[in-house]
C-alpha atoms as a PDB file:
ATOM      1  CA  MET A   1     -42.587 -32.472  48.701  1.00  0.00           C
ATOM      2  CA  LEU A   2     -42.560 -28.735  49.295  1.00  0.00           C
ATOM      3  CA  ARG A   3     -38.772 -28.775  49.683  1.00  0.00           C
ATOM      4  CA  LEU A   4     -38.384 -30.526  46.317  1.00  0.00           C
ATOM      5  CA  LEU A   5     -40.638 -27.957  44.639  1.00  0.00           C
ATOM      6  CA  GLN A   6     -38.638 -25.089  46.163  1.00  0.00           C
ATOM      7  CA  THR A   7     -35.402 -26.676  44.961  1.00  0.00           C
ATOM      8  CA  LYS A   8     -36.744 -27.012  41.411  1.00  0.00           C
ATOM      9  CA  ILE A   9     -37.920 -23.397  41.419  1.00  0.00           C
ATOM     10  CA  LEU A  10     -34.526 -22.255  42.698  1.00  0.00           C
ATOM     11  CA  ILE A  11     -32.751 -24.219  39.961  1.00  0.00           C
ATOM     12  CA  ALA A  12     -35.087 -22.741  37.325  1.00  0.00           C
ATOM     13  CA  ILE A  13     -34.426 -19.209  38.592  1.00  0.00           C
ATOM     14  CA  LEU A  14     -30.665 -19.762  38.592  1.00  0.00           C
ATOM     15  CA  ALA A  15     -30.825 -21.189  35.069  1.00  0.00           C
ATOM     16  CA  ALA A  16     -32.809 -18.148  33.876  1.00  0.00           C
ATOM     17  CA  LEU A  17     -30.277 -15.815  35.476  1.00  0.00           C
ATOM     18  CA  GLY A  18     -27.461 -17.730  33.807  1.00  0.00           C
ATOM     19  CA  ILE A  19     -29.127 -17.383  30.415  1.00  0.00           C
ATOM     20  CA  LEU A  20     -29.656 -13.643  30.933  1.00  0.00           C
ATOM     21  CA  ALA A  21     -26.047 -13.169  32.009  1.00  0.00           C
ATOM     22  CA  GLY A  22     -24.836 -15.109  28.978  1.00  0.00           C
ATOM     23  CA  ALA A  23     -26.984 -12.985  26.685  1.00  0.00           C
ATOM     24  CA  ALA A  24     -25.637  -9.775  28.227  1.00  0.00           C
ATOM     25  CA  ILE A  25     -22.042 -10.951  27.847  1.00  0.00           C
ATOM     26  CA  TYR A  26     -22.660 -11.962  24.231  1.00  0.00           C
ATOM     27  CA  GLN A  27     -24.280  -8.599  23.450  1.00  0.00           C
ATOM     28  CA  ARG A  28     -21.304  -6.754  24.944  1.00  0.00           C
ATOM     29  CA  TYR A  29     -18.916  -8.927  22.909  1.00  0.00           C
ATOM     30  CA  GLU A  30     -20.802  -8.246  19.670  1.00  0.00           C
ATOM     31  CA  ALA A  31     -20.879  -4.502  20.384  1.00  0.00           C
ATOM     32  CA  HIS A  32     -17.125  -4.508  20.986  1.00  0.00           C
ATOM     33  CA  LYS A  33     -16.524  -6.446  17.773  1.00  0.00           C
ATOM     34  CA  ALA A  34     -18.670  -3.986  15.807  1.00  0.00           C
ATOM     35  CA  ALA A  35     -16.781  -1.038  17.314  1.00  0.00           C
ATOM     36  CA  VAL A  36     -13.442  -2.577  16.311  1.00  0.00           C
ATOM     37  CA  GLN A  37     -14.664  -3.141  12.750  1.00  0.00           C
ATOM     38  CA  LEU A  38     -15.961   0.428  12.568  1.00  0.00           C
ATOM     39  CA  GLU A  39     -12.604   1.761  13.766  1.00  0.00           C
ATOM     40  CA  GLN A  40     -10.756  -0.317  11.156  1.00  0.00           C
ATOM     41  CA  PHE A  41     -13.102   0.974   8.460  1.00  0.00           C
ATOM     42  CA  ARG A  42     -12.588   4.566   9.597  1.00  0.00           C
ATOM     43  CA  ARG A  43      -8.807   4.124   9.491  1.00  0.00           C
ATOM     44  CA  GLN A  44      -9.011   2.623   6.006  1.00  0.00           C
ATOM     45  CA  VAL A  45     -11.112   5.561   4.792  1.00  0.00           C
ATOM     46  CA  GLU A  46      -8.637   8.036   6.276  1.00  0.00           C
ATOM     47  CA  GLN A  47      -5.729   6.180   4.662  1.00  0.00           C
ATOM     48  CA  ASN A  48      -7.479   6.180   1.287  1.00  0.00           C
ATOM     49  CA  LYS A  49      -8.192   9.903   1.659  1.00  0.00           C
ATOM     50  CA  LYS A  50      -4.531  10.632   2.342  1.00  0.00           C
ATOM     51  CA  GLN A  51      -3.428   8.581  -0.668  1.00  0.00           C
ATOM     52  CA  HIS A  52      -5.968  10.280  -2.909  1.00  0.00           C
ATOM     53  CA  ASN A  53      -5.040  13.756  -1.724  1.00  0.00           C
ATOM     54  CA  SER A  54      -1.315  13.137  -2.117  1.00  0.00           C
ATOM     55  CA  ALA A  55      -1.771  12.049  -5.731  1.00  0.00           C
ATOM     56  CA  ALA A  56      -3.890  15.107  -6.463  1.00  0.00           C
ATOM     57  CA  SER A  57      -1.331  17.444  -4.907  1.00  0.00           C
ATOM     58  CA  ASN A  58       1.457  16.025  -7.105  1.00  0.00           C
ATOM     59  CA  GLU A  59      -0.575  16.243 -10.296  1.00  0.00           C
ATOM     60  CA  GLY A  60       0.313  19.898 -10.918  1.00  0.00           C
ATOM     61  CA  ASN A  61       4.019  19.113 -10.693  1.00  0.00           C
ATOM     62  CA  THR A  62       3.792  16.358 -13.309  1.00  0.00           C
ATOM     63  CA  TRP A  63       2.112  18.640 -15.851  1.00  0.00           C
ATOM     64  CA  ARG A  64       4.735  21.343 -15.354  1.00  0.00           C
ATOM     65  CA  SER A  65       7.559  18.948 -16.087  1.00  0.00           C
ATOM     66  CA  TYR A  66       5.807  17.281 -19.052  1.00  0.00           C
ATOM     67  CA  VAL A  67       7.696  17.836 -22.297  1.00  0.00           C
ATOM     68  CA  PRO A  68       5.866  16.746 -25.498  1.00  0.00           C
END
């Protein structure tokens, strides 16, 4: 009887450890996914900045060559 109880406790402990390990792995995965999305967003912002700045730098040239 005692052996059966010890076996059940051992199985319960192993199951709890498995759940905790799964939760830790999932948290790490979600953190990595969030970091990738943040990096993509940062790159998009930088790309938009470059496009905006290039248009602004060419604006003076278009007004100089404008003939009414």
